[in-house]
Amino acid sequence: MSNLRNVNLGTAVAITTTYAGEFAGEYIAAALLSASTIDDGGLTVKPNIAFKEVIKKLATGALVSPAGCDFDPNSSVTLTERIIQPTELQVNLQLCKKDFVNDWEAQSMGYGMAQTLPPKFSDFMIAHVAAEVAQSTEFNIWQGDTAAAVHNSYDGFEKLIAASAAAGDIPAGQQVPAVGGGLSAANIIAELSKVVDAIPSALYGKEDLFIYVPSSAAKFYVQALGGFAANGLGANGTNAQGTQWWNNGSLTVNGVKIFVCPGISDNKMYAAQRSNLYFGTGLLNNMQEVRVLDMQDLDGSNNVRMVMRFTAGVQFGVASDIVEYA
């Protein structure tokens, strides 16, 4: 009876995983839609945009007039449009398996040239990349600028709205100058009130109307409502609870809901309806792709590559229904 062990001398099988079609859409959605502004319901998501989509805008003149015997056209209809064209984006990430030998399921990876990816490594990479894509998406939704050296994926709302204001599409009364020296706990209530005052009467009270603020402004507002006299709310603040009053609930100001967006620049705020702000993507169509590639059998290296392809972009509908604080 031989005491030799049966040694497998065959070629090591590396793990190369490809996600396409429906499954790719699920992974892409998990990445894109996890951006705070989208995940919390601050935008209208328009999926399945293969190239571009037209957002129609309709405006009418006065519709009601004194009655008469004859049909008398008494109004006007103006139809204009905006284009939302998501930008093609990609993730090209490369990691070395050696970096994970000591602390990531090392025993399950094998040894030497037989070393492969840990069984759950693909899931780890996808989760990691999804979080990074979500963070990048949140930034670009607001601060994206194709003319900038970095973060140039697509133009965000800050650039688009500023250009519309400069073109006169946003009424002057709805362009609120930012306070000198920037927002603070001492002035945040007054500055938010300015934004509310600039909201057109036709929009005030709409269910999907929000004031979109950066995280810094939200912190100032929570601090101000905590009281301690200096901010004009008395020593005990909201519900006489001082700085203990807020437990990550919703915020409102003068009857308008506040939406906190980490991607907005400090000292900028916007009032708009959710139905007037759009995020376009092809995340449900067949243009999405996610691949985890073990390069060992391709070039002999110890690297693993993560490839992701998707589309994203933003646009608003009616400029005159937006208040800009900037």
C-alpha atoms as a PDB file:
ATOM      1  CA  MET A   1       0.000   0.000   0.000  1.00  0.00           C
ATOM      2  CA  SER A   2       1.523   3.240  -1.088  1.00  0.00           C
ATOM      3  CA  ASN A   3       1.862   6.034   1.417  1.00  0.00           C
ATOM      4  CA  LEU A   4       2.157   8.706  -1.265  1.00  0.00           C
ATOM      5  CA  ARG A   5      -0.509  11.387  -1.221  1.00  0.00           C
ATOM      6  CA  ASN A   6      -2.552  12.125  -4.311  1.00  0.00           C
ATOM      7  CA  VAL A   7      -1.206  15.458  -5.552  1.00  0.00           C
ATOM      8  CA  ASN A   8      -3.248  17.496  -8.003  1.00  0.00           C
ATOM      9  CA  LEU A   9      -0.815  18.840 -10.613  1.00  0.00           C
ATOM     10  CA  GLY A  10      -3.492  20.452 -12.760  1.00  0.00           C
ATOM     11  CA  THR A  11      -3.635  24.164 -13.549  1.00  0.00           C
ATOM     12  CA  ALA A  12      -5.013  26.248 -10.687  1.00  0.00           C
ATOM     13  CA  VAL A  13      -8.480  27.589 -11.359  1.00  0.00           C
ATOM     14  CA  ALA A  14      -8.784  31.296 -10.640  1.00  0.00           C
ATOM     15  CA  ILE A  15     -12.061  32.961  -9.802  1.00  0.00           C
ATOM     16  CA  THR A  16     -13.199  35.326 -12.517  1.00  0.00           C
ATOM     17  CA  THR A  17     -16.725  36.534 -12.064  1.00  0.00           C
ATOM     18  CA  THR A  18     -18.792  38.462 -14.570  1.00  0.00           C
ATOM     19  CA  TYR A  19     -22.112  40.095 -13.779  1.00  0.00           C
ATOM     20  CA  ALA A  20     -24.125  41.323 -16.733  1.00  0.00           C
ATOM     21  CA  GLY A  21     -27.652  42.324 -17.605  1.00  0.00           C
ATOM     22  CA  GLU A  22     -30.147  42.101 -14.770  1.00  0.00           C
ATOM     23  CA  PHE A  23     -27.610  41.181 -12.089  1.00  0.00           C
ATOM     24  CA  ALA A  24     -25.249  43.964 -13.141  1.00  0.00           C
ATOM     25  CA  GLY A  25     -28.143  46.396 -12.857  1.00  0.00           C
ATOM     26  CA  GLU A  26     -28.718  45.295  -9.287  1.00  0.00           C
ATOM     27  CA  TYR A  27     -25.084  45.865  -8.323  1.00  0.00           C
ATOM     28  CA  ILE A  28     -24.938  49.208 -10.148  1.00  0.00           C
ATOM     29  CA  ALA A  29     -28.169  50.291  -8.472  1.00  0.00           C
ATOM     30  CA  ALA A  30     -26.748  49.397  -5.069  1.00  0.00           C
ATOM     31  CA  ALA A  31     -23.808  51.684  -5.801  1.00  0.00           C
ATOM     32  CA  LEU A  32     -25.490  54.645  -7.486  1.00  0.00           C
ATOM     33  CA  LEU A  33     -28.702  54.798  -5.491  1.00  0.00           C
ATOM     34  CA  SER A  34     -26.860  54.647  -2.162  1.00  0.00           C
ATOM     35  CA  ALA A  35     -25.818  58.275  -2.622  1.00  0.00           C
ATOM     36  CA  SER A  36     -27.475  60.174   0.235  1.00  0.00           C
ATOM     37  CA  THR A  37     -29.476  62.598  -1.919  1.00  0.00           C
ATOM     38  CA  ILE A  38     -30.951  59.709  -3.939  1.00  0.00           C
ATOM     39  CA  ASP A  39     -31.213  57.091  -1.189  1.00  0.00           C
ATOM     40  CA  ASP A  40     -33.226  59.406   1.068  1.00  0.00           C
ATOM     41  CA  GLY A  41     -35.621  60.364  -1.730  1.00  0.00           C
ATOM     42  CA  GLY A  42     -34.367  63.813  -2.664  1.00  0.00           C
ATOM     43  CA  LEU A  43     -34.426  63.341  -6.442  1.00  0.00           C
ATOM     44  CA  THR A  44     -36.622  61.874  -9.139  1.00  0.00           C
ATOM     45  CA  VAL A  45     -34.727  58.929 -10.654  1.00  0.00           C
ATOM     46  CA  LYS A  46     -35.155  58.391 -14.393  1.00  0.00           C
ATOM     47  CA  PRO A  47     -33.744  54.950 -15.287  1.00  0.00           C
ATOM     48  CA  ASN A  48     -33.308  53.171 -18.627  1.00  0.00           C
ATOM     49  CA  ILE A  49     -31.869  56.196 -20.433  1.00  0.00           C
ATOM     50  CA  ALA A  50     -29.757  54.620 -23.167  1.00  0.00           C
ATOM     51  CA  PHE A  51     -28.508  57.943 -24.589  1.00  0.00           C
ATOM     52  CA  LYS A  52     -30.538  61.034 -23.693  1.00  0.00           C
ATOM     53  CA  GLU A  53     -34.063  61.943 -22.643  1.00  0.00           C
ATOM     54  CA  VAL A  54     -36.131  65.074 -23.134  1.00  0.00           C
ATOM     55  CA  ILE A  55     -37.753  66.675 -20.090  1.00  0.00           C
ATOM     56  CA  LYS A  56     -40.782  68.598 -21.334  1.00  0.00           C
ATOM     57  CA  LYS A  57     -41.814  71.846 -19.673  1.00  0.00           C
ATOM     58  CA  LEU A  58     -45.294  73.288 -20.239  1.00  0.00           C
ATOM     59  CA  ALA A  59     -46.449  76.756 -19.278  1.00  0.00           C
ATOM     60  CA  THR A  60     -49.845  78.374 -19.862  1.00  0.00           C
ATOM     61  CA  GLY A  61     -51.156  81.890 -19.652  1.00  0.00           C
ATOM     62  CA  ALA A  62     -54.287  82.942 -17.745  1.00  0.00           C
ATOM     63  CA  LEU A  63     -56.908  80.216 -18.232  1.00  0.00           C
ATOM     64  CA  VAL A  64     -60.040  81.736 -16.676  1.00  0.00           C
ATOM     65  CA  SER A  65     -61.942  84.603 -18.318  1.00  0.00           C
ATOM     66  CA  PRO A  66     -65.530  85.947 -18.318  1.00  0.00           C
ATOM     67  CA  ALA A  67     -67.978  83.539 -19.994  1.00  0.00           C
ATOM     68  CA  GLY A  68     -69.618  84.265 -23.349  1.00  0.00           C
ATOM     69  CA  CYS A  69     -71.706  82.482 -25.985  1.00  0.00           C
ATOM     70  CA  ASP A  70     -68.830  81.743 -28.362  1.00  0.00           C
ATOM     71  CA  PHE A  71     -65.660  79.718 -28.000  1.00  0.00           C
ATOM     72  CA  ASP A  72     -62.919  82.272 -27.463  1.00  0.00           C
ATOM     73  CA  PRO A  73     -59.350  80.986 -27.016  1.00  0.00           C
ATOM     74  CA  ASN A  74     -58.151  82.937 -24.036  1.00  0.00           C
ATOM     75  CA  SER A  75     -54.739  81.614 -23.137  1.00  0.00           C
ATOM     76  CA  SER A  76     -51.400  80.527 -24.489  1.00  0.00           C
ATOM     77  CA  VAL A  77     -49.396  77.322 -24.232  1.00  0.00           C
ATOM     78  CA  THR A  78     -45.596  77.373 -24.236  1.00  0.00           C
ATOM     79  CA  LEU A  79     -43.751  74.073 -24.511  1.00  0.00           C
ATOM     80  CA  THR A  80     -40.019  74.015 -23.904  1.00  0.00           C
ATOM     81  CA  GLU A  81     -37.603  71.255 -22.997  1.00  0.00           C
ATOM     82  CA  ARG A  82     -34.399  70.332 -21.198  1.00  0.00           C
ATOM     83  CA  ILE A  83     -32.152  67.429 -22.076  1.00  0.00           C
ATOM     84  CA  ILE A  84     -30.754  64.951 -19.583  1.00  0.00           C
ATOM     85  CA  GLN A  85     -27.883  62.971 -21.065  1.00  0.00           C
ATOM     86  CA  PRO A  86     -26.174  60.607 -18.609  1.00  0.00           C
ATOM     87  CA  THR A  87     -22.408  60.368 -18.927  1.00  0.00           C
ATOM     88  CA  GLU A  88     -20.720  57.008 -19.468  1.00  0.00           C
ATOM     89  CA  LEU A  89     -18.573  56.230 -16.428  1.00  0.00           C
ATOM     90  CA  GLN A  90     -16.333  53.412 -15.309  1.00  0.00           C
ATOM     91  CA  VAL A  91     -14.432  52.010 -12.359  1.00  0.00           C
ATOM     92  CA  ASN A  92     -11.022  50.426 -13.026  1.00  0.00           C
ATOM     93  CA  LEU A  93      -9.631  49.157  -9.730  1.00  0.00           C
ATOM     94  CA  GLN A  94      -6.672  46.843  -9.169  1.00  0.00           C
ATOM     95  CA  LEU A  95      -5.764  45.099  -5.911  1.00  0.00           C
ATOM     96  CA  CYS A  96      -2.959  42.670  -5.103  1.00  0.00           C
ATOM     97  CA  LYS A  97      -3.931  39.339  -3.519  1.00  0.00           C
ATOM     98  CA  LYS A  98      -0.743  39.423  -1.468  1.00  0.00           C
ATOM     99  CA  ASP A  99      -2.126  42.338   0.547  1.00  0.00           C
ATOM    100  CA  PHE A 100      -4.919  40.103   1.815  1.00  0.00           C
ATOM    101  CA  VAL A 101      -2.978  36.927   2.629  1.00  0.00           C
ATOM    102  CA  ASN A 102      -2.458  37.778   6.294  1.00  0.00           C
ATOM    103  CA  ASP A 103      -5.876  39.093   7.164  1.00  0.00           C
ATOM    104  CA  TRP A 104      -8.464  37.943   4.638  1.00  0.00           C
ATOM    105  CA  GLU A 105      -9.336  34.247   4.685  1.00  0.00           C
ATOM    106  CA  ALA A 106      -5.677  33.379   4.024  1.00  0.00           C
ATOM    107  CA  GLN A 107      -6.135  29.639   4.423  1.00  0.00           C
ATOM    108  CA  SER A 108      -8.859  29.537   1.794  1.00  0.00           C
ATOM    109  CA  MET A 109      -6.617  31.233  -0.775  1.00  0.00           C
ATOM    110  CA  GLY A 110      -4.141  28.397  -1.203  1.00  0.00           C
ATOM    111  CA  TYR A 111      -0.388  28.832  -1.657  1.00  0.00           C
ATOM    112  CA  GLY A 112       2.140  29.709  -4.340  1.00  0.00           C
ATOM    113  CA  MET A 113       0.947  29.583  -7.929  1.00  0.00           C
ATOM    114  CA  ALA A 114      -2.192  27.811  -6.753  1.00  0.00           C
ATOM    115  CA  GLN A 115      -3.257  30.877  -4.811  1.00  0.00           C
ATOM    116  CA  THR A 116      -6.729  32.072  -5.756  1.00  0.00           C
ATOM    117  CA  LEU A 117      -9.214  34.637  -4.571  1.00  0.00           C
ATOM    118  CA  PRO A 118     -10.985  33.979  -1.272  1.00  0.00           C
ATOM    119  CA  PRO A 119     -14.464  32.601  -1.978  1.00  0.00           C
ATOM    120  CA  LYS A 120     -16.192  35.754  -0.745  1.00  0.00           C
ATOM    121  CA  PHE A 121     -13.657  38.202  -2.112  1.00  0.00           C
ATOM    122  CA  SER A 122     -15.840  39.181  -5.053  1.00  0.00           C
ATOM    123  CA  ASP A 123     -18.613  40.199  -2.675  1.00  0.00           C
ATOM    124  CA  PHE A 124     -16.138  42.177  -0.594  1.00  0.00           C
ATOM    125  CA  MET A 125     -14.825  44.047  -3.622  1.00  0.00           C
ATOM    126  CA  ILE A 126     -18.277  44.841  -4.946  1.00  0.00           C
ATOM    127  CA  ALA A 127     -19.421  46.162  -1.557  1.00  0.00           C
ATOM    128  CA  HIS A 128     -16.266  48.262  -1.209  1.00  0.00           C
ATOM    129  CA  VAL A 129     -16.529  49.718  -4.699  1.00  0.00           C
ATOM    130  CA  ALA A 130     -20.270  50.336  -4.305  1.00  0.00           C
ATOM    131  CA  ALA A 131     -19.595  52.502  -1.254  1.00  0.00           C
ATOM    132  CA  GLU A 132     -16.943  54.495  -3.116  1.00  0.00           C
ATOM    133  CA  VAL A 133     -19.193  54.947  -6.162  1.00  0.00           C
ATOM    134  CA  ALA A 134     -22.023  56.156  -3.912  1.00  0.00           C
ATOM    135  CA  GLN A 135     -19.746  58.758  -2.330  1.00  0.00           C
ATOM    136  CA  SER A 136     -18.540  59.959  -5.734  1.00  0.00           C
ATOM    137  CA  THR A 137     -22.116  60.087  -7.034  1.00  0.00           C
ATOM    138  CA  GLU A 138     -23.293  62.194  -4.098  1.00  0.00           C
ATOM    139  CA  PHE A 139     -20.494  64.688  -4.756  1.00  0.00           C
ATOM    140  CA  ASN A 140     -21.085  64.881  -8.491  1.00  0.00           C
ATOM    141  CA  ILE A 141     -24.846  65.289  -8.160  1.00  0.00           C
ATOM    142  CA  TRP A 142     -24.185  68.695  -6.638  1.00  0.00           C
ATOM    143  CA  GLN A 143     -20.585  69.772  -7.236  1.00  0.00           C
ATOM    144  CA  GLY A 144     -19.770  67.942 -10.464  1.00  0.00           C
ATOM    145  CA  ASP A 145     -17.996  70.137 -13.001  1.00  0.00           C
ATOM    146  CA  THR A 146     -16.727  68.822 -16.311  1.00  0.00           C
ATOM    147  CA  ALA A 147     -14.404  71.819 -16.564  1.00  0.00           C
ATOM    148  CA  ALA A 148     -12.649  71.005 -13.282  1.00  0.00           C
ATOM    149  CA  ALA A 149      -9.429  69.034 -13.007  1.00  0.00           C
ATOM    150  CA  VAL A 150     -10.987  66.517 -10.609  1.00  0.00           C
ATOM    151  CA  HIS A 151     -14.509  65.233  -9.950  1.00  0.00           C
ATOM    152  CA  ASN A 152     -15.358  65.910 -13.578  1.00  0.00           C
ATOM    153  CA  SER A 153     -17.799  63.086 -14.241  1.00  0.00           C
ATOM    154  CA  TYR A 154     -20.719  65.348 -15.169  1.00  0.00           C
ATOM    155  CA  ASP A 155     -22.043  68.809 -14.358  1.00  0.00           C
ATOM    156  CA  GLY A 156     -23.923  68.892 -11.036  1.00  0.00           C
ATOM    157  CA  PHE A 157     -26.850  71.002  -9.886  1.00  0.00           C
ATOM    158  CA  GLU A 158     -24.675  73.782  -8.480  1.00  0.00           C
ATOM    159  CA  LYS A 159     -23.157  74.516 -11.893  1.00  0.00           C
ATOM    160  CA  LEU A 160     -26.397  73.967 -13.819  1.00  0.00           C
ATOM    161  CA  ILE A 161     -28.476  76.174 -11.512  1.00  0.00           C
ATOM    162  CA  ALA A 162     -25.837  78.930 -11.421  1.00  0.00           C
ATOM    163  CA  ALA A 163     -25.760  78.998 -15.236  1.00  0.00           C
ATOM    164  CA  SER A 164     -29.541  79.194 -15.364  1.00  0.00           C
ATOM    165  CA  ALA A 165     -29.559  82.063 -12.848  1.00  0.00           C
ATOM    166  CA  ALA A 166     -26.936  83.908 -14.885  1.00  0.00           C
ATOM    167  CA  ALA A 167     -29.106  83.465 -17.975  1.00  0.00           C
ATOM    168  CA  GLY A 168     -32.069  85.037 -16.211  1.00  0.00           C
ATOM    169  CA  ASP A 169     -34.102  81.814 -16.058  1.00  0.00           C
ATOM    170  CA  ILE A 170     -34.388  82.115 -12.270  1.00  0.00           C
ATOM    171  CA  PRO A 171     -36.156  85.336 -11.159  1.00  0.00           C
ATOM    172  CA  ALA A 172     -33.959  87.797  -9.285  1.00  0.00           C
ATOM    173  CA  GLY A 173     -36.184  87.548  -6.219  1.00  0.00           C
ATOM    174  CA  GLN A 174     -35.362  83.856  -5.982  1.00  0.00           C
ATOM    175  CA  GLN A 175     -31.595  84.409  -6.044  1.00  0.00           C
ATOM    176  CA  VAL A 176     -30.708  84.926  -2.381  1.00  0.00           C
ATOM    177  CA  PRO A 177     -27.178  86.297  -1.754  1.00  0.00           C
ATOM    178  CA  ALA A 178     -25.208  84.311   0.805  1.00  0.00           C
ATOM    179  CA  VAL A 179     -24.385  86.083   4.054  1.00  0.00           C
ATOM    180  CA  GLY A 180     -20.920  87.571   4.334  1.00  0.00           C
ATOM    181  CA  GLY A 181     -18.573  85.413   6.364  1.00  0.00           C
ATOM    182  CA  GLY A 182     -20.563  82.246   5.723  1.00  0.00           C
ATOM    183  CA  LEU A 183     -23.241  80.357   7.614  1.00  0.00           C
ATOM    184  CA  SER A 184     -23.000  79.836  11.364  1.00  0.00           C
ATOM    185  CA  ALA A 185     -25.183  78.791  14.282  1.00  0.00           C
ATOM    186  CA  ALA A 186     -25.756  82.482  14.978  1.00  0.00           C
ATOM    187  CA  ASN A 187     -27.217  83.309  11.546  1.00  0.00           C
ATOM    188  CA  ILE A 188     -28.558  80.027  10.153  1.00  0.00           C
ATOM    189  CA  ILE A 189     -32.170  80.630  11.205  1.00  0.00           C
ATOM    190  CA  ALA A 190     -32.240  84.069   9.588  1.00  0.00           C
ATOM    191  CA  GLU A 191     -30.586  82.776   6.397  1.00  0.00           C
ATOM    192  CA  LEU A 192     -32.941  79.808   6.097  1.00  0.00           C
ATOM    193  CA  SER A 193     -35.847  82.199   6.570  1.00  0.00           C
ATOM    194  CA  LYS A 194     -34.559  84.244   3.619  1.00  0.00           C
ATOM    195  CA  VAL A 195     -34.734  81.129   1.448  1.00  0.00           C
ATOM    196  CA  VAL A 196     -38.297  80.435   2.597  1.00  0.00           C
ATOM    197  CA  ASP A 197     -39.295  84.027   1.875  1.00  0.00           C
ATOM    198  CA  ALA A 198     -37.975  83.682  -1.689  1.00  0.00           C
ATOM    199  CA  ILE A 199     -40.039  80.565  -2.447  1.00  0.00           C
ATOM    200  CA  PRO A 200     -42.818  81.410  -4.946  1.00  0.00           C
ATOM    201  CA  SER A 201     -46.296  81.352  -3.404  1.00  0.00           C
ATOM    202  CA  ALA A 202     -47.393  78.710  -5.925  1.00  0.00           C
ATOM    203  CA  LEU A 203     -44.736  76.325  -4.573  1.00  0.00           C
ATOM    204  CA  TYR A 204     -45.052  76.974  -0.868  1.00  0.00           C
ATOM    205  CA  GLY A 205     -46.899  74.088   0.779  1.00  0.00           C
ATOM    206  CA  LYS A 206     -46.203  71.555  -1.981  1.00  0.00           C
ATOM    207  CA  GLU A 207     -45.691  68.065  -0.592  1.00  0.00           C
ATOM    208  CA  ASP A 208     -42.375  67.475  -2.348  1.00  0.00           C
ATOM    209  CA  LEU A 209     -40.877  70.910  -1.656  1.00  0.00           C
ATOM    210  CA  PHE A 210     -37.558  70.860   0.212  1.00  0.00           C
ATOM    211  CA  ILE A 211     -34.750  73.188   1.153  1.00  0.00           C
ATOM    212  CA  TYR A 212     -31.602  71.287   0.225  1.00  0.00           C
ATOM    213  CA  VAL A 213     -28.742  72.124   2.580  1.00  0.00           C
ATOM    214  CA  PRO A 214     -25.168  70.875   3.160  1.00  0.00           C
ATOM    215  CA  SER A 215     -24.290  68.900   6.266  1.00  0.00           C
ATOM    216  CA  SER A 216     -22.553  71.942   7.742  1.00  0.00           C
ATOM    217  CA  ALA A 217     -25.752  74.033   7.564  1.00  0.00           C
ATOM    218  CA  ALA A 218     -27.779  71.224   9.133  1.00  0.00           C
ATOM    219  CA  LYS A 219     -25.343  71.053  12.055  1.00  0.00           C
ATOM    220  CA  PHE A 220     -25.591  74.820  12.540  1.00  0.00           C
ATOM    221  CA  TYR A 221     -29.389  74.616  12.532  1.00  0.00           C
ATOM    222  CA  VAL A 222     -29.472  71.777  15.069  1.00  0.00           C
ATOM    223  CA  GLN A 223     -27.070  73.727  17.262  1.00  0.00           C
ATOM    224  CA  ALA A 224     -29.131  76.911  16.947  1.00  0.00           C
ATOM    225  CA  LEU A 225     -32.352  75.139  17.908  1.00  0.00           C
ATOM    226  CA  GLY A 226     -30.579  73.794  20.972  1.00  0.00           C
ATOM    227  CA  GLY A 227     -30.832  77.281  22.414  1.00  0.00           C
ATOM    228  CA  PHE A 228     -28.475  78.758  24.999  1.00  0.00           C
ATOM    229  CA  ALA A 229     -29.688  82.317  24.426  1.00  0.00           C
ATOM    230  CA  ALA A 230     -27.010  83.393  21.958  1.00  0.00           C
ATOM    231  CA  ASN A 231     -29.096  82.166  19.029  1.00  0.00           C
ATOM    232  CA  GLY A 232     -32.303  83.814  20.185  1.00  0.00           C
ATOM    233  CA  LEU A 233     -34.150  80.709  21.339  1.00  0.00           C
ATOM    234  CA  GLY A 234     -33.725  81.032  25.058  1.00  0.00           C
ATOM    235  CA  ALA A 235     -31.493  79.012  27.296  1.00  0.00           C
ATOM    236  CA  ASN A 236     -33.404  75.745  26.961  1.00  0.00           C
ATOM    237  CA  GLY A 237     -33.930  75.497  23.200  1.00  0.00           C
ATOM    238  CA  THR A 238     -36.506  73.311  21.452  1.00  0.00           C
ATOM    239  CA  ASN A 239     -38.916  71.624  23.875  1.00  0.00           C
ATOM    240  CA  ALA A 240     -36.681  72.870  26.709  1.00  0.00           C
ATOM    241  CA  GLN A 241     -34.227  70.044  25.980  1.00  0.00           C
ATOM    242  CA  GLY A 242     -31.146  72.087  25.151  1.00  0.00           C
ATOM    243  CA  THR A 243     -28.570  70.331  23.003  1.00  0.00           C
ATOM    244  CA  GLN A 244     -30.280  66.989  23.679  1.00  0.00           C
ATOM    245  CA  TRP A 245     -33.371  67.897  21.664  1.00  0.00           C
ATOM    246  CA  TRP A 246     -32.459  66.295  18.315  1.00  0.00           C
ATOM    247  CA  ASN A 247     -32.280  62.549  17.648  1.00  0.00           C
ATOM    248  CA  ASN A 248     -31.642  62.447  13.900  1.00  0.00           C
ATOM    249  CA  GLY A 249     -35.261  63.110  13.042  1.00  0.00           C
ATOM    250  CA  SER A 250     -36.625  65.344  10.307  1.00  0.00           C
ATOM    251  CA  LEU A 251     -35.951  69.078  10.230  1.00  0.00           C
ATOM    252  CA  THR A 252     -38.248  71.864   9.042  1.00  0.00           C
ATOM    253  CA  VAL A 253     -38.090  75.640   8.910  1.00  0.00           C
ATOM    254  CA  ASN A 254     -41.165  77.850   8.685  1.00  0.00           C
ATOM    255  CA  GLY A 255     -43.254  74.986   7.342  1.00  0.00           C
ATOM    256  CA  VAL A 256     -40.741  73.767   4.731  1.00  0.00           C
ATOM    257  CA  LYS A 257     -38.930  70.438   5.042  1.00  0.00           C
ATOM    258  CA  ILE A 258     -35.133  70.425   5.108  1.00  0.00           C
ATOM    259  CA  PHE A 259     -33.187  67.845   3.103  1.00  0.00           C
ATOM    260  CA  VAL A 260     -29.573  67.289   4.150  1.00  0.00           C
ATOM    261  CA  CYS A 261     -27.202  66.592   1.235  1.00  0.00           C
ATOM    262  CA  PRO A 262     -23.548  65.863   2.075  1.00  0.00           C
ATOM    263  CA  GLY A 263     -22.626  66.662  -1.531  1.00  0.00           C
ATOM    264  CA  ILE A 264     -23.677  70.327  -1.442  1.00  0.00           C
ATOM    265  CA  SER A 265     -20.912  72.906  -0.979  1.00  0.00           C
ATOM    266  CA  ASP A 266     -20.747  74.782   2.306  1.00  0.00           C
ATOM    267  CA  ASN A 267     -22.691  78.073   2.338  1.00  0.00           C
ATOM    268  CA  LYS A 268     -25.015  77.041  -0.492  1.00  0.00           C
ATOM    269  CA  MET A 269     -28.693  76.084  -0.230  1.00  0.00           C
ATOM    270  CA  TYR A 270     -31.491  75.442  -2.707  1.00  0.00           C
ATOM    271  CA  ALA A 271     -35.269  75.287  -2.487  1.00  0.00           C
ATOM    272  CA  ALA A 272     -36.934  73.058  -5.071  1.00  0.00           C
ATOM    273  CA  GLN A 273     -39.473  70.312  -5.569  1.00  0.00           C
ATOM    274  CA  ARG A 274     -38.178  66.761  -5.706  1.00  0.00           C
ATOM    275  CA  SER A 275     -40.218  66.321  -8.891  1.00  0.00           C
ATOM    276  CA  ASN A 276     -38.207  69.128 -10.496  1.00  0.00           C
ATOM    277  CA  LEU A 277     -34.778  67.546  -9.898  1.00  0.00           C
ATOM    278  CA  TYR A 278     -33.760  64.509 -11.937  1.00  0.00           C
ATOM    279  CA  PHE A 279     -31.051  61.880 -11.755  1.00  0.00           C
ATOM    280  CA  GLY A 280     -30.710  59.981 -15.017  1.00  0.00           C
ATOM    281  CA  THR A 281     -29.050  56.613 -15.460  1.00  0.00           C
ATOM    282  CA  GLY A 282     -29.235  53.428 -17.486  1.00  0.00           C
ATOM    283  CA  LEU A 283     -28.987  51.248 -14.373  1.00  0.00           C
ATOM    284  CA  LEU A 284     -31.848  48.956 -15.432  1.00  0.00           C
ATOM    285  CA  ASN A 285     -30.865  48.471 -19.066  1.00  0.00           C
ATOM    286  CA  ASN A 286     -28.324  46.149 -20.631  1.00  0.00           C
ATOM    287  CA  MET A 287     -25.479  48.706 -20.782  1.00  0.00           C
ATOM    288  CA  GLN A 288     -24.334  47.937 -17.228  1.00  0.00           C
ATOM    289  CA  GLU A 289     -21.392  45.676 -16.493  1.00  0.00           C
ATOM    290  CA  VAL A 290     -19.541  44.482 -13.396  1.00  0.00           C
ATOM    291  CA  ARG A 291     -16.511  42.204 -13.582  1.00  0.00           C
ATOM    292  CA  VAL A 292     -14.069  40.826 -11.012  1.00  0.00           C
ATOM    293  CA  LEU A 293     -11.019  39.494 -12.868  1.00  0.00           C
ATOM    294  CA  ASP A 294      -8.214  37.379 -11.400  1.00  0.00           C
ATOM    295  CA  MET A 295      -5.231  38.284 -13.595  1.00  0.00           C
ATOM    296  CA  GLN A 296      -3.066  35.299 -12.586  1.00  0.00           C
ATOM    297  CA  ASP A 297      -3.927  33.147 -15.609  1.00  0.00           C
ATOM    298  CA  LEU A 298      -3.802  36.155 -17.953  1.00  0.00           C
ATOM    299  CA  ASP A 299      -0.483  37.822 -17.149  1.00  0.00           C
ATOM    300  CA  GLY A 300       0.965  35.764 -14.283  1.00  0.00           C
ATOM    301  CA  SER A 301       0.529  38.575 -11.793  1.00  0.00           C
ATOM    302  CA  ASN A 302      -0.979  38.469  -8.319  1.00  0.00           C
ATOM    303  CA  ASN A 303      -3.491  41.185  -9.143  1.00  0.00           C
ATOM    304  CA  VAL A 304      -7.257  41.270  -9.129  1.00  0.00           C
ATOM    305  CA  ARG A 305      -9.105  43.848 -11.199  1.00  0.00           C
ATOM    306  CA  MET A 306     -12.554  45.285 -10.641  1.00  0.00           C
ATOM    307  CA  VAL A 307     -14.267  46.726 -13.714  1.00  0.00           C
ATOM    308  CA  MET A 308     -17.592  48.539 -13.549  1.00  0.00           C
ATOM    309  CA  ARG A 309     -19.385  50.474 -16.313  1.00  0.00           C
ATOM    310  CA  PHE A 310     -22.507  52.593 -15.865  1.00  0.00           C
ATOM    311  CA  THR A 311     -24.063  55.951 -16.737  1.00  0.00           C
ATOM    312  CA  ALA A 312     -25.168  58.903 -14.590  1.00  0.00           C
ATOM    313  CA  GLY A 313     -26.184  62.555 -14.915  1.00  0.00           C
ATOM    314  CA  VAL A 314     -28.501  65.198 -13.448  1.00  0.00           C
ATOM    315  CA  GLN A 315     -30.829  67.881 -14.749  1.00  0.00           C
ATOM    316  CA  PHE A 316     -33.665  70.059 -13.470  1.00  0.00           C
ATOM    317  CA  GLY A 317     -36.936  70.898 -15.144  1.00  0.00           C
ATOM    318  CA  VAL A 318     -38.320  74.388 -14.485  1.00  0.00           C
ATOM    319  CA  ALA A 319     -35.642  76.900 -13.467  1.00  0.00           C
ATOM    320  CA  SER A 320     -38.171  79.481 -12.273  1.00  0.00           C
ATOM    321  CA  ASP A 321     -39.335  77.013  -9.602  1.00  0.00           C
ATOM    322  CA  ILE A 322     -35.911  76.954  -7.923  1.00  0.00           C
ATOM    323  CA  VAL A 323     -34.534  79.236  -5.213  1.00  0.00           C
ATOM    324  CA  GLU A 324     -30.755  79.614  -5.163  1.00  0.00           C
ATOM    325  CA  TYR A 325     -28.845  80.662  -2.054  1.00  0.00           C
ATOM    326  CA  ALA A 326     -25.271  81.157  -3.160  1.00  0.00           C
END
